[in-house]
Amino acid sequence: MGTDRATGKTMLALPEPGGALERMADVTALETATVVTAIVGEILEAGKASDAELSSFVPTLHAALCEVTEVAARLLSADE
């Protein structure tokens, strides 16, 4: 995270499960997936994209889906 001005030592963040940093990461993952989904949805609705153009979104969609799946799994396991 930087250097402590008083001691000169490196400061580290040790996130706790369910802590603020994890929540921020979850929100970011959900926001990213929402934006990617909206963009791809608009492209599909327009119906003018080639298969090659559409295939360029597959890695991004896969990454967003993986992140959202991890968030959902973590939230479901926390409810148990």
C-alpha atoms as a PDB file:
ATOM      1  CA  MET A   1       0.000   0.000   0.000  1.00  0.00           C
ATOM      2  CA  GLY A   2       3.005   2.271   0.334  1.00  0.00           C
ATOM      3  CA  THR A   3       5.525   3.321   2.906  1.00  0.00           C
ATOM      4  CA  ASP A   4       4.800   4.385   6.473  1.00  0.00           C
ATOM      5  CA  ARG A   5       6.196   7.910   6.754  1.00  0.00           C
ATOM      6  CA  ALA A   6       6.925   7.548  10.446  1.00  0.00           C
ATOM      7  CA  THR A   7       8.868   4.264  10.300  1.00  0.00           C
ATOM      8  CA  GLY A   8       9.916   3.999   6.650  1.00  0.00           C
ATOM      9  CA  LYS A   9       8.558   0.451   6.572  1.00  0.00           C
ATOM     10  CA  THR A  10       6.408  -0.937   3.787  1.00  0.00           C
ATOM     11  CA  MET A  11       2.723  -0.992   4.663  1.00  0.00           C
ATOM     12  CA  LEU A  12       0.705  -4.013   3.598  1.00  0.00           C
ATOM     13  CA  ALA A  13      -3.001  -4.665   3.520  1.00  0.00           C
ATOM     14  CA  LEU A  14      -4.096  -8.030   4.827  1.00  0.00           C
ATOM     15  CA  PRO A  15      -7.689  -8.397   3.736  1.00  0.00           C
ATOM     16  CA  GLU A  16     -10.007 -10.430   5.908  1.00  0.00           C
ATOM     17  CA  PRO A  17     -12.671 -12.655   4.433  1.00  0.00           C
ATOM     18  CA  GLY A  18     -15.858 -10.625   4.371  1.00  0.00           C
ATOM     19  CA  GLY A  19     -13.946  -7.411   4.972  1.00  0.00           C
ATOM     20  CA  ALA A  20     -14.148  -4.068   3.220  1.00  0.00           C
ATOM     21  CA  LEU A  21     -11.542  -4.912   0.570  1.00  0.00           C
ATOM     22  CA  GLU A  22     -13.314  -8.112  -0.372  1.00  0.00           C
ATOM     23  CA  ARG A  23     -16.615  -6.231  -0.602  1.00  0.00           C
ATOM     24  CA  MET A  24     -15.034  -3.599  -2.862  1.00  0.00           C
ATOM     25  CA  ALA A  25     -13.636  -6.363  -5.093  1.00  0.00           C
ATOM     26  CA  ASP A  26     -17.061  -8.019  -5.245  1.00  0.00           C
ATOM     27  CA  VAL A  27     -18.754  -4.741  -6.194  1.00  0.00           C
ATOM     28  CA  THR A  28     -16.130  -4.115  -8.872  1.00  0.00           C
ATOM     29  CA  ALA A  29     -16.616  -7.621 -10.302  1.00  0.00           C
ATOM     30  CA  LEU A  30     -20.381  -7.135 -10.453  1.00  0.00           C
ATOM     31  CA  GLU A  31     -20.087  -3.674 -12.007  1.00  0.00           C
ATOM     32  CA  THR A  32     -17.655  -4.974 -14.617  1.00  0.00           C
ATOM     33  CA  ALA A  33     -19.914  -7.891 -15.501  1.00  0.00           C
ATOM     34  CA  THR A  34     -22.883  -5.531 -15.784  1.00  0.00           C
ATOM     35  CA  VAL A  35     -21.055  -3.231 -18.187  1.00  0.00           C
ATOM     36  CA  VAL A  36     -19.674  -6.065 -20.325  1.00  0.00           C
ATOM     37  CA  THR A  37     -23.114  -7.682 -20.473  1.00  0.00           C
ATOM     38  CA  ALA A  38     -24.733  -4.403 -21.540  1.00  0.00           C
ATOM     39  CA  ILE A  39     -22.148  -3.785 -24.266  1.00  0.00           C
ATOM     40  CA  VAL A  40     -22.424  -7.288 -25.710  1.00  0.00           C
ATOM     41  CA  GLY A  41     -26.217  -7.128 -25.449  1.00  0.00           C
ATOM     42  CA  GLU A  42     -26.296  -3.910 -27.483  1.00  0.00           C
ATOM     43  CA  ILE A  43     -24.027  -5.434 -30.109  1.00  0.00           C
ATOM     44  CA  LEU A  44     -26.195  -8.548 -30.354  1.00  0.00           C
ATOM     45  CA  GLU A  45     -29.388  -6.497 -30.610  1.00  0.00           C
ATOM     46  CA  ALA A  46     -27.922  -4.418 -33.431  1.00  0.00           C
ATOM     47  CA  GLY A  47     -27.249  -7.662 -35.296  1.00  0.00           C
ATOM     48  CA  LYS A  48     -24.463  -6.195 -37.398  1.00  0.00           C
ATOM     49  CA  ALA A  49     -21.408  -7.796 -35.796  1.00  0.00           C
ATOM     50  CA  SER A  50     -19.556 -10.575 -37.549  1.00  0.00           C
ATOM     51  CA  ASP A  51     -18.747 -13.854 -35.835  1.00  0.00           C
ATOM     52  CA  ALA A  52     -15.120 -12.754 -35.597  1.00  0.00           C
ATOM     53  CA  GLU A  53     -16.113  -9.504 -33.880  1.00  0.00           C
ATOM     54  CA  LEU A  54     -18.401 -11.332 -31.472  1.00  0.00           C
ATOM     55  CA  SER A  55     -15.751 -13.938 -30.686  1.00  0.00           C
ATOM     56  CA  SER A  56     -13.416 -11.178 -29.517  1.00  0.00           C
ATOM     57  CA  PHE A  57     -15.741 -10.706 -26.517  1.00  0.00           C
ATOM     58  CA  VAL A  58     -15.605 -14.343 -25.401  1.00  0.00           C
ATOM     59  CA  PRO A  59     -12.480 -14.014 -23.181  1.00  0.00           C
ATOM     60  CA  THR A  60     -13.870 -10.875 -21.518  1.00  0.00           C
ATOM     61  CA  LEU A  61     -17.271 -12.473 -20.963  1.00  0.00           C
ATOM     62  CA  HIS A  62     -15.623 -15.607 -19.584  1.00  0.00           C
ATOM     63  CA  ALA A  63     -13.505 -13.597 -17.130  1.00  0.00           C
ATOM     64  CA  ALA A  64     -16.523 -11.600 -15.955  1.00  0.00           C
ATOM     65  CA  LEU A  65     -18.588 -14.774 -15.545  1.00  0.00           C
ATOM     66  CA  CYS A  66     -15.813 -16.425 -13.523  1.00  0.00           C
ATOM     67  CA  GLU A  67     -15.586 -13.437 -11.171  1.00  0.00           C
ATOM     68  CA  VAL A  68     -19.354 -13.233 -10.689  1.00  0.00           C
ATOM     69  CA  THR A  69     -19.524 -16.982 -10.077  1.00  0.00           C
ATOM     70  CA  GLU A  70     -16.839 -16.673  -7.381  1.00  0.00           C
ATOM     71  CA  VAL A  71     -18.745 -13.818  -5.728  1.00  0.00           C
ATOM     72  CA  ALA A  72     -22.003 -15.794  -5.804  1.00  0.00           C
ATOM     73  CA  ALA A  73     -20.346 -18.936  -4.425  1.00  0.00           C
ATOM     74  CA  ARG A  74     -18.716 -16.978  -1.597  1.00  0.00           C
ATOM     75  CA  LEU A  75     -22.007 -15.261  -0.699  1.00  0.00           C
ATOM     76  CA  LEU A  76     -23.915 -18.546  -0.754  1.00  0.00           C
ATOM     77  CA  SER A  77     -21.338 -20.284   1.442  1.00  0.00           C
ATOM     78  CA  ALA A  78     -21.477 -17.374   3.905  1.00  0.00           C
ATOM     79  CA  ASP A  79     -25.229 -17.924   4.281  1.00  0.00           C
ATOM     80  CA  GLU A  80     -24.752 -21.535   5.375  1.00  0.00           C
END
